[in-house]
Amino acid sequence: MQISPEKTIQFEKDLSLLIAAKSVKSDPVDCAPYGIGTLNALEVMFEIAGRNGFNCKNLDGRVGYIEWGEGSEYIAILSHLDVVPPGPLSDWSTDPYTMTLKNGYYFGRGIVDDKGPAMAALYAMIELKESGYRPACRIRLILGLDEENGSSCVQHYLEHEPVPIFGFTPDADFPAIFAEKGILQIDISDIGHPEIRISGGDAANMVPAYCEVIFSSSQQSQRYIGKSAHASTPEKGDNAIIKAIANLETSRKSSHPILSFIDQEFIVKDACKNLFKSVASDFSGELSVNIGMIELTHDNSHLVIDIRYPVTEDSDHILSCIEAALNQETTQLSIRSHLLPLHIERDSVQMKALLKVYESFASQFECDDKSNPIYIKHTQHPVEPITIGGGTYARSMPNIIPFGPYLPWEKSTLHQKNECYGRNNLITLIGVYRDAIRALSNLIN
């Protein structure tokens, strides 16, 4: 059952307001420890929830939730409202904070990750409530505000609220996810460089789309342009930092520990194969590395890298590989953040319930080429859960399954310019999450 045209119009109006909230993490202010933009996004969701009769609670500007139903237990939908920086605005074909319909797709920062799915989940709750459905327990939509920078929001939530009995997070891929690689973000710092300054990248979990090199003697600068992508799939991007370092004179690179490290380990064919040659792949895939940010001045240098490692691998082994390749005299290494791998039981009743819901909607999702083998694989019954290199809130709470919204046959725009999602598929998403909530509720005796 599709939602009504009138409800669709209201959904799009509400989502456009949410996209307009510039919820990139920024300096803390009163009541908004992650910046005023994140609080604005939460308030947009609370206004919609309030006019539809749901209860809302703000936990110190770090995380909030929208709740419906009764009982001592609850089912959770874990979403987030913070977004990664858009990068250079000139790279976008539309304003990243103005939801724009073009060629059947909605464009805007957060339309996929994760504002669009969050709004779809809220409207799924609205649909169920208006239909007269009575869930077996409370249904709680949890809205984090710091997912893109370490998920401290969920840590805060768990300090103040009980865990759900189970649930899902609409912040991954369909059909459903049973494993996520470990995520290790590392800070590497060292001495400065007397001849050059380098600045590039906006976030550790994004392939940098720009990097600038300034030469001290002439004050001339060289700007390198790449292509952004999610750090879990660096091969889909074009790393501007690597391009910049590759074009430096050898003498300038070899005399600096961090530049030499990048030059020797990343600016080669099959980059990282030698650095991590002792790391084995497994069912979750191979290890991947993203050089996310660099800042080099005359006084010091700072590099941030993002590593996604196989589920069965050990993080200490990963760290030892990097330490062995660094200058031991001057280079300092520290862990910026670390999320352990996730492995979910493939045959759990919750997983089976969600896969069944996806199967019932799979043919309703649009695809430009339905002869595409990837489309066929993920729409023919029975479908199987998959693994990803990305990280979700599912690591933070037990019995949470990553469930959509990304469609495997679609070109990913996650953490990239021109982030977009098909309009009709976004509306279909409401029905998917409506039935997912109902299916999980029906599992409770």
Protein backbone atom coordinates (compact mmCIF):
# COMPACT_ATOMS: atom_id res chain seq x y z
CA MET A 1 0.00 0.00 0.00
CA GLN A 2 1.48 3.33 -1.11
CA ILE A 3 0.98 6.53 0.88
CA SER A 4 -1.53 9.06 -0.43
CA PRO A 5 -0.56 11.89 -2.82
CA GLU A 6 -1.40 14.41 -0.09
CA LYS A 7 0.84 12.64 2.41
CA THR A 8 3.60 12.44 -0.21
CA ILE A 9 3.49 16.21 -0.70
CA GLN A 10 3.71 16.80 3.05
CA PHE A 11 6.57 14.30 3.34
CA GLU A 12 8.54 16.16 0.69
CA LYS A 13 7.90 19.53 2.36
CA ASP A 14 9.09 18.18 5.69
CA LEU A 15 12.15 16.53 4.21
CA SER A 16 13.13 19.74 2.42
CA LEU A 17 13.12 21.54 5.79
CA LEU A 18 15.32 18.83 7.27
CA ILE A 19 17.79 18.98 4.37
CA ALA A 20 17.98 22.76 4.83
CA ALA A 21 19.31 22.33 8.38
CA LYS A 22 23.10 22.59 7.96
CA SER A 23 23.89 19.84 10.43
CA VAL A 24 27.63 19.43 9.86
CA LYS A 25 29.38 19.19 13.23
CA SER A 26 30.59 22.61 14.35
CA ASP A 27 31.68 24.48 17.47
CA PRO A 28 29.57 23.75 20.55
CA VAL A 29 27.06 26.30 21.84
CA ASP A 30 24.58 26.21 24.71
CA CYS A 31 22.26 23.19 24.39
CA ALA A 32 24.04 22.08 21.20
CA PRO A 33 27.38 20.36 21.91
CA TYR A 34 27.78 19.38 18.23
CA GLY A 35 26.83 22.81 16.88
CA ILE A 36 23.59 24.68 16.31
CA GLY A 37 22.92 23.02 12.95
CA THR A 38 22.54 19.57 14.50
CA LEU A 39 20.07 20.91 17.07
CA ASN A 40 18.10 22.64 14.32
CA ALA A 41 17.75 19.31 12.50
CA LEU A 42 16.48 17.61 15.66
CA GLU A 43 13.94 20.39 16.21
CA VAL A 44 12.61 19.93 12.67
CA MET A 45 11.93 16.27 13.41
CA PHE A 46 10.36 17.07 16.79
CA GLU A 47 7.98 19.59 15.23
CA ILE A 48 6.72 16.99 12.74
CA ALA A 49 6.44 14.36 15.46
CA GLY A 50 4.58 16.72 17.78
CA ARG A 51 1.90 17.62 15.28
CA ASN A 52 1.33 13.89 14.73
CA GLY A 53 0.85 13.10 18.40
CA PHE A 54 4.18 11.45 19.22
CA ASN A 55 6.23 11.96 22.37
CA CYS A 56 9.69 13.51 22.01
CA LYS A 57 12.72 13.77 24.26
CA ASN A 58 15.97 15.68 23.80
CA LEU A 59 18.93 14.22 25.69
CA ASP A 60 21.18 17.24 26.24
CA GLY A 61 21.42 18.20 22.57
CA ARG A 62 23.39 15.06 21.77
CA VAL A 63 20.63 12.69 20.76
CA GLY A 64 16.85 12.68 20.82
CA TYR A 65 14.02 10.27 20.26
CA ILE A 66 10.44 10.15 19.01
CA GLU A 67 8.21 7.55 20.60
CA TRP A 68 4.82 5.94 20.12
CA GLY A 69 3.02 3.14 21.93
CA GLU A 70 2.96 1.62 25.39
CA GLY A 71 4.80 -1.00 27.41
CA SER A 72 8.03 -1.48 29.32
CA GLU A 73 10.03 -2.60 26.26
CA TYR A 74 10.64 -0.91 22.95
CA ILE A 75 11.74 -1.54 19.38
CA ALA A 76 14.30 0.95 18.07
CA ILE A 77 14.92 2.57 14.71
CA LEU A 78 18.37 4.16 14.96
CA SER A 79 19.04 7.01 12.57
CA HIS A 80 21.17 10.15 12.54
CA LEU A 81 20.69 13.75 11.47
CA ASP A 82 24.28 14.99 11.28
CA VAL A 83 25.91 15.02 7.85
CA VAL A 84 29.41 15.17 6.40
CA PRO A 85 30.60 18.47 4.89
CA PRO A 86 29.45 19.06 1.31
CA GLY A 87 32.93 19.99 0.11
CA PRO A 88 33.38 22.76 -2.47
CA LEU A 89 29.91 24.09 -3.33
CA SER A 90 31.06 24.71 -6.89
CA ASP A 91 31.33 20.94 -7.36
CA TRP A 92 27.60 20.48 -6.83
CA SER A 93 25.04 20.84 -9.61
CA THR A 94 22.53 22.02 -6.97
CA ASP A 95 22.65 23.73 -3.59
CA PRO A 96 23.46 20.86 -1.17
CA TYR A 97 21.10 22.32 1.44
CA THR A 98 18.16 22.83 -0.91
CA MET A 99 16.36 19.59 -1.73
CA THR A 100 16.06 19.64 -5.51
CA LEU A 101 14.18 17.29 -7.82
CA LYS A 102 16.06 16.59 -11.05
CA ASN A 103 15.53 13.73 -13.51
CA GLY A 104 13.51 11.77 -10.99
CA TYR A 105 16.10 12.07 -8.21
CA TYR A 106 16.16 14.21 -5.11
CA PHE A 107 19.50 15.94 -4.52
CA GLY A 108 20.78 17.27 -1.21
CA ARG A 109 23.30 16.57 1.52
CA GLY A 110 21.81 13.88 3.75
CA ILE A 111 19.15 12.67 1.32
CA VAL A 112 20.69 9.18 1.60
CA ASP A 113 22.86 9.54 4.71
CA ASP A 114 20.75 9.73 6.76
CA LYS A 115 18.03 12.39 6.72
CA GLY A 116 15.94 10.84 3.96
CA PRO A 117 15.74 7.44 5.70
CA ALA A 118 15.10 9.12 9.08
CA MET A 119 12.14 11.01 7.64
CA ALA A 120 10.90 7.85 5.91
CA ALA A 121 11.00 6.03 9.26
CA LEU A 122 9.06 8.83 10.95
CA TYR A 123 6.42 8.77 8.22
CA ALA A 124 6.28 4.98 8.55
CA MET A 125 5.32 5.50 12.19
CA ILE A 126 2.73 8.09 11.16
CA GLU A 127 1.23 5.68 8.63
CA LEU A 128 0.94 2.91 11.20
CA LYS A 129 -0.57 5.19 13.83
CA GLU A 130 -3.17 6.61 11.43
CA SER A 131 -4.11 3.11 10.24
CA GLY A 132 -5.17 2.17 13.77
CA TYR A 133 -2.37 -0.34 14.25
CA ARG A 134 -1.40 -0.94 17.88
CA PRO A 135 2.19 -2.16 18.32
CA ALA A 136 2.99 -4.80 20.91
CA CYS A 137 5.45 -2.43 22.60
CA ARG A 138 6.77 1.09 22.27
CA ILE A 139 8.30 2.14 18.95
CA ARG A 140 11.18 4.57 19.32
CA LEU A 141 12.95 6.48 16.54
CA ILE A 142 16.35 7.42 17.96
CA LEU A 143 18.02 10.40 16.26
CA GLY A 144 21.75 10.75 16.82
CA LEU A 145 23.66 13.96 16.12
CA ASP A 146 27.28 12.77 16.02
CA GLU A 147 27.30 9.58 13.93
CA GLU A 148 29.75 10.93 11.38
CA ASN A 149 32.34 11.80 14.02
CA GLY A 150 32.51 8.81 16.34
CA SER A 151 28.92 8.24 17.55
CA SER A 152 29.43 9.78 20.99
CA CYS A 153 25.72 10.58 20.77
CA VAL A 154 24.80 6.91 21.16
CA GLN A 155 27.21 6.51 24.05
CA HIS A 156 25.36 9.36 25.75
CA TYR A 157 22.03 7.73 24.97
CA LEU A 158 23.06 4.45 26.57
CA GLU A 159 24.12 6.28 29.73
CA HIS A 160 20.56 7.56 30.16
CA GLU A 161 18.22 5.05 28.48
CA PRO A 162 17.71 1.26 28.49
CA VAL A 163 18.60 -0.75 25.40
CA PRO A 164 15.83 -1.85 23.01
CA ILE A 165 14.79 -5.48 22.64
CA PHE A 166 15.74 -5.27 18.95
CA GLY A 167 15.40 -2.99 15.94
CA PHE A 168 17.05 -1.75 12.78
CA THR A 169 19.08 1.16 11.49
CA PRO A 170 18.18 2.66 8.08
CA ASP A 171 21.76 3.73 7.38
CA ALA A 172 23.25 0.97 5.25
CA ASP A 173 22.27 -1.23 2.31
CA PHE A 174 19.46 -3.52 1.26
CA PRO A 175 18.63 -6.39 1.47
CA ALA A 176 20.10 -6.33 5.04
CA ILE A 177 23.54 -6.44 6.66
CA PHE A 178 24.98 -9.25 8.75
CA ALA A 179 28.57 -7.99 9.09
CA GLU A 180 30.46 -4.70 9.11
CA LYS A 181 34.24 -4.35 8.92
CA GLY A 182 36.20 -2.85 11.79
CA ILE A 183 36.85 0.88 11.47
CA LEU A 184 40.14 2.27 12.75
CA GLN A 185 40.89 5.98 12.36
CA ILE A 186 44.45 6.97 13.14
CA ASP A 187 46.18 10.32 13.73
CA ILE A 188 49.81 10.55 12.66
CA SER A 189 51.81 13.64 13.58
CA ASP A 190 55.39 14.72 12.99
CA ILE A 191 57.70 17.66 12.31
CA GLY A 192 56.88 20.51 9.94
CA HIS A 193 58.40 21.28 6.56
CA PRO A 194 60.50 24.41 5.88
CA GLU A 195 59.62 24.69 2.18
CA ILE A 196 55.93 23.88 1.77
CA ARG A 197 52.51 23.96 3.39
CA ILE A 198 49.82 21.41 2.54
CA SER A 199 46.13 21.32 3.43
CA GLY A 200 43.54 18.82 2.22
CA GLY A 201 40.43 16.89 3.16
CA ASP A 202 37.33 17.64 5.26
CA ALA A 203 36.75 14.40 7.17
CA ALA A 204 38.48 11.11 7.87
CA ASN A 205 35.60 9.11 6.43
CA MET A 206 35.60 10.90 3.07
CA VAL A 207 37.98 10.54 0.13
CA PRO A 208 39.34 14.12 -0.12
CA ALA A 209 38.20 16.08 -3.16
CA TYR A 210 40.77 18.84 -2.80
CA CYS A 211 44.32 19.48 -1.61
CA GLU A 212 46.39 22.65 -1.76
CA VAL A 213 50.17 22.95 -1.73
CA ILE A 214 51.79 26.34 -1.03
CA PHE A 215 55.49 26.86 -1.77
CA SER A 216 57.15 29.11 0.81
CA SER A 217 59.82 30.61 -1.44
CA SER A 218 57.40 31.97 -4.04
CA GLN A 219 54.09 31.86 -2.13
CA GLN A 220 52.64 30.23 -5.21
CA SER A 221 50.05 27.55 -4.66
CA GLN A 222 48.93 24.47 -6.54
CA ARG A 223 45.42 23.13 -5.99
CA TYR A 224 44.60 19.50 -6.76
CA ILE A 225 41.05 18.35 -7.40
CA GLY A 226 39.91 14.80 -6.79
CA LYS A 227 36.57 13.05 -6.43
CA SER A 228 34.95 12.44 -3.08
CA ALA A 229 33.64 9.03 -2.00
CA HIS A 230 32.88 7.19 1.21
CA ALA A 231 36.00 6.00 3.01
CA SER A 232 34.73 2.41 2.95
CA THR A 233 35.02 2.47 -0.86
CA PRO A 234 38.09 4.62 -1.60
CA GLU A 235 38.42 3.01 -5.03
CA LYS A 236 35.26 4.88 -6.08
CA GLY A 237 36.95 8.23 -5.45
CA ASP A 238 40.04 10.06 -6.61
CA ASN A 239 42.19 11.09 -3.64
CA ALA A 240 43.39 14.68 -4.06
CA ILE A 241 45.95 14.35 -1.25
CA ILE A 242 47.63 11.43 -2.98
CA LYS A 243 47.61 13.38 -6.27
CA ALA A 244 49.27 16.33 -4.56
CA ILE A 245 52.00 14.29 -2.87
CA ALA A 246 52.65 12.34 -6.08
CA ASN A 247 53.45 15.59 -7.89
CA LEU A 248 55.92 16.90 -5.31
CA GLU A 249 59.62 16.78 -6.06
CA THR A 250 61.25 13.64 -4.66
CA SER A 251 63.66 15.65 -2.51
CA ARG A 252 60.78 17.39 -0.73
CA LYS A 253 59.05 14.10 0.00
CA SER A 254 62.03 12.02 1.03
CA SER A 255 63.14 14.58 3.62
CA HIS A 256 59.85 14.48 5.52
CA PRO A 257 58.61 11.40 7.46
CA ILE A 258 54.89 11.68 6.70
CA LEU A 259 55.33 12.67 3.06
CA SER A 260 57.81 9.84 2.62
CA PHE A 261 55.34 7.41 4.23
CA ILE A 262 52.59 8.43 1.80
CA ASP A 263 54.96 8.34 -1.15
CA GLN A 264 56.31 4.88 -0.41
CA GLU A 265 53.12 3.14 0.71
CA PHE A 266 50.28 4.78 -1.26
CA ILE A 267 51.61 6.23 -4.51
CA VAL A 268 52.21 2.89 -6.14
CA LYS A 269 50.21 0.32 -8.04
CA ASP A 270 48.18 -1.83 -5.62
CA ALA A 271 48.71 0.71 -2.84
CA CYS A 272 48.83 -0.75 0.68
CA LYS A 273 49.41 -4.29 -0.56
CA ASN A 274 52.95 -4.20 0.80
CA LEU A 275 52.06 -2.28 3.95
CA PHE A 276 49.35 -4.76 4.92
CA LYS A 277 50.66 -7.85 3.16
CA SER A 278 50.17 -9.97 6.30
CA VAL A 279 46.48 -9.03 6.63
CA ALA A 280 44.18 -11.69 5.19
CA SER A 281 40.77 -11.01 3.67
CA ASP A 282 37.68 -12.91 4.82
CA PHE A 283 33.94 -13.13 4.09
CA SER A 284 33.63 -9.39 4.79
CA GLY A 285 36.18 -8.49 2.11
CA GLU A 286 39.67 -6.98 1.97
CA LEU A 287 41.23 -4.26 4.08
CA SER A 288 40.91 -0.74 2.66
CA VAL A 289 42.64 2.52 3.59
CA ASN A 290 41.68 6.14 3.01
CA ILE A 291 44.02 9.09 3.53
CA GLY A 292 41.32 11.48 4.70
CA MET A 293 43.02 14.67 5.88
CA ILE A 294 46.42 16.31 5.93
CA GLU A 295 47.66 19.56 7.46
CA LEU A 296 51.35 20.40 7.08
CA THR A 297 52.89 23.69 8.18
CA HIS A 298 56.40 24.93 8.91
CA ASP A 299 55.96 23.86 12.55
CA ASN A 300 54.26 20.46 12.41
CA SER A 301 52.35 17.97 10.31
CA HIS A 302 49.19 15.96 10.88
CA LEU A 303 47.74 13.09 8.85
CA VAL A 304 44.45 11.24 9.42
CA ILE A 305 43.80 7.85 7.84
CA ASP A 306 40.70 5.66 7.91
CA ILE A 307 41.13 1.88 7.80
CA ARG A 308 38.35 -0.67 7.25
CA TYR A 309 39.60 -4.10 8.25
CA PRO A 310 38.11 -7.61 7.89
CA VAL A 311 35.82 -8.94 10.61
CA THR A 312 38.21 -11.73 11.63
CA GLU A 313 41.31 -9.50 11.75
CA ASP A 314 42.88 -8.03 14.89
CA SER A 315 43.29 -4.25 15.22
CA ASP A 316 46.62 -4.58 17.07
CA HIS A 317 48.00 -6.37 14.04
CA ILE A 318 46.84 -3.48 11.83
CA LEU A 319 48.53 -0.94 14.08
CA SER A 320 51.78 -2.90 14.14
CA CYS A 321 51.90 -2.85 10.33
CA ILE A 322 51.65 0.95 10.29
CA GLU A 323 54.10 1.49 13.14
CA ALA A 324 56.71 -0.60 11.32
CA ALA A 325 56.51 1.72 8.31
CA LEU A 326 56.82 5.01 10.23
CA ASN A 327 59.84 6.97 11.40
CA GLN A 328 60.20 5.78 14.98
CA GLU A 329 62.25 8.80 16.13
CA THR A 330 59.86 11.68 15.44
CA THR A 331 56.51 10.29 14.33
CA GLN A 332 53.67 9.97 16.83
CA LEU A 333 50.70 7.69 16.23
CA SER A 334 47.41 7.74 18.15
CA ILE A 335 43.98 6.17 17.72
CA ARG A 336 41.41 8.79 16.77
CA SER A 337 38.48 6.37 16.97
CA HIS A 338 37.95 2.63 16.78
CA LEU A 339 34.77 0.69 16.06
CA LEU A 340 35.06 -3.06 16.44
CA PRO A 341 33.70 -5.27 13.64
CA LEU A 342 30.05 -6.31 13.70
CA HIS A 343 28.83 -9.85 13.06
CA ILE A 344 25.10 -10.61 13.29
CA GLU A 345 23.44 -14.02 13.23
CA ARG A 346 22.26 -14.52 9.65
CA ASP A 347 19.39 -16.80 10.64
CA SER A 348 17.90 -14.83 13.52
CA VAL A 349 14.13 -14.34 13.52
CA GLN A 350 14.64 -10.58 13.24
CA MET A 351 16.87 -10.96 10.19
CA LYS A 352 14.40 -13.31 8.53
CA ALA A 353 11.54 -10.91 9.24
CA LEU A 354 13.35 -7.95 7.68
CA LEU A 355 14.47 -9.92 4.63
CA LYS A 356 10.87 -11.00 4.07
CA VAL A 357 9.74 -7.36 4.17
CA TYR A 358 12.44 -6.38 1.68
CA GLU A 359 11.45 -9.23 -0.65
CA SER A 360 7.86 -8.00 -0.68
CA PHE A 361 8.98 -4.55 -1.88
CA ALA A 362 12.03 -5.42 -4.01
CA SER A 363 10.18 -5.36 -7.33
CA GLN A 364 8.67 -1.95 -6.48
CA PHE A 365 12.05 -0.24 -6.35
CA GLU A 366 12.95 1.39 -9.64
CA CYS A 367 15.96 0.44 -11.73
CA ASP A 368 16.96 1.86 -15.11
CA ASP A 369 18.13 -1.56 -16.29
CA LYS A 370 16.29 -4.52 -14.79
CA SER A 371 18.53 -6.89 -16.75
CA ASN A 372 21.41 -5.70 -14.56
CA PRO A 373 22.81 -8.84 -12.81
CA ILE A 374 23.09 -6.94 -9.53
CA TYR A 375 19.42 -5.96 -9.69
CA ILE A 376 18.43 -9.54 -10.49
CA LYS A 377 20.56 -10.93 -7.65
CA HIS A 378 19.03 -8.65 -5.06
CA THR A 379 15.40 -8.92 -6.15
CA GLN A 380 14.98 -12.63 -6.82
CA HIS A 381 13.75 -14.74 -3.91
CA PRO A 382 15.21 -15.72 -1.59
CA VAL A 383 17.55 -12.78 -1.01
CA GLU A 384 20.59 -13.07 1.23
CA PRO A 385 22.04 -10.58 3.73
CA ILE A 386 25.35 -8.97 2.78
CA THR A 387 28.44 -7.37 4.35
CA ILE A 388 29.65 -3.76 4.16
CA GLY A 389 32.75 -1.74 4.96
CA GLY A 390 30.71 1.14 6.37
CA GLY A 391 29.84 1.55 10.01
CA THR A 392 26.42 2.03 11.59
CA TYR A 393 24.78 2.33 14.98
CA ALA A 394 24.25 -1.43 14.89
CA ARG A 395 27.66 -1.78 16.58
CA SER A 396 26.45 0.26 19.54
CA MET A 397 23.42 -1.76 20.61
CA PRO A 398 22.61 -5.48 20.59
CA ASN A 399 20.11 -6.95 18.13
CA ILE A 400 20.13 -3.98 15.74
CA ILE A 401 20.21 -4.87 12.04
CA PRO A 402 21.37 -2.42 9.32
CA PHE A 403 18.48 -2.31 6.83
CA GLY A 404 18.62 -0.06 3.76
CA PRO A 405 18.24 2.46 2.24
CA TYR A 406 21.01 2.07 -0.34
CA LEU A 407 20.03 -0.10 -3.31
CA PRO A 408 22.93 -2.27 -4.53
CA TRP A 409 22.22 -1.60 -8.22
CA GLU A 410 22.26 2.18 -7.77
CA LYS A 411 25.42 4.25 -8.15
CA SER A 412 26.45 5.33 -4.67
CA THR A 413 26.66 9.06 -3.95
CA LEU A 414 27.37 8.55 -0.25
CA HIS A 415 29.70 11.28 1.12
CA GLN A 416 30.06 12.65 -2.41
CA LYS A 417 29.00 15.74 -4.29
CA ASN A 418 25.48 15.58 -5.75
CA GLU A 419 24.22 13.11 -3.13
CA CYS A 420 20.89 11.84 -4.45
CA TYR A 421 18.18 9.20 -4.15
CA GLY A 422 15.33 8.32 -6.49
CA ARG A 423 12.10 10.15 -5.64
CA ASN A 424 9.83 7.15 -6.15
CA ASN A 425 12.23 4.87 -4.29
CA LEU A 426 12.23 7.30 -1.37
CA ILE A 427 8.43 7.11 -1.18
CA THR A 428 8.62 3.30 -1.42
CA LEU A 429 11.01 3.41 1.53
CA ILE A 430 8.19 4.63 3.78
CA GLY A 431 6.24 1.45 3.05
CA VAL A 432 9.30 -0.73 3.64
CA TYR A 433 9.97 0.76 7.05
CA ARG A 434 6.27 0.74 7.96
CA ASP A 435 6.10 -3.00 7.32
CA ALA A 436 9.47 -3.57 9.01
CA ILE A 437 8.23 -1.94 12.22
CA ARG A 438 5.07 -4.01 12.09
CA ALA A 439 6.98 -7.24 11.37
CA LEU A 440 9.32 -6.74 14.33
CA SER A 441 6.44 -5.78 16.61
CA ASN A 442 4.61 -8.95 15.63
CA LEU A 443 7.57 -11.02 16.87
CA ILE A 444 6.80 -10.01 20.44
CA ASN A 445 4.55 -12.43 22.28
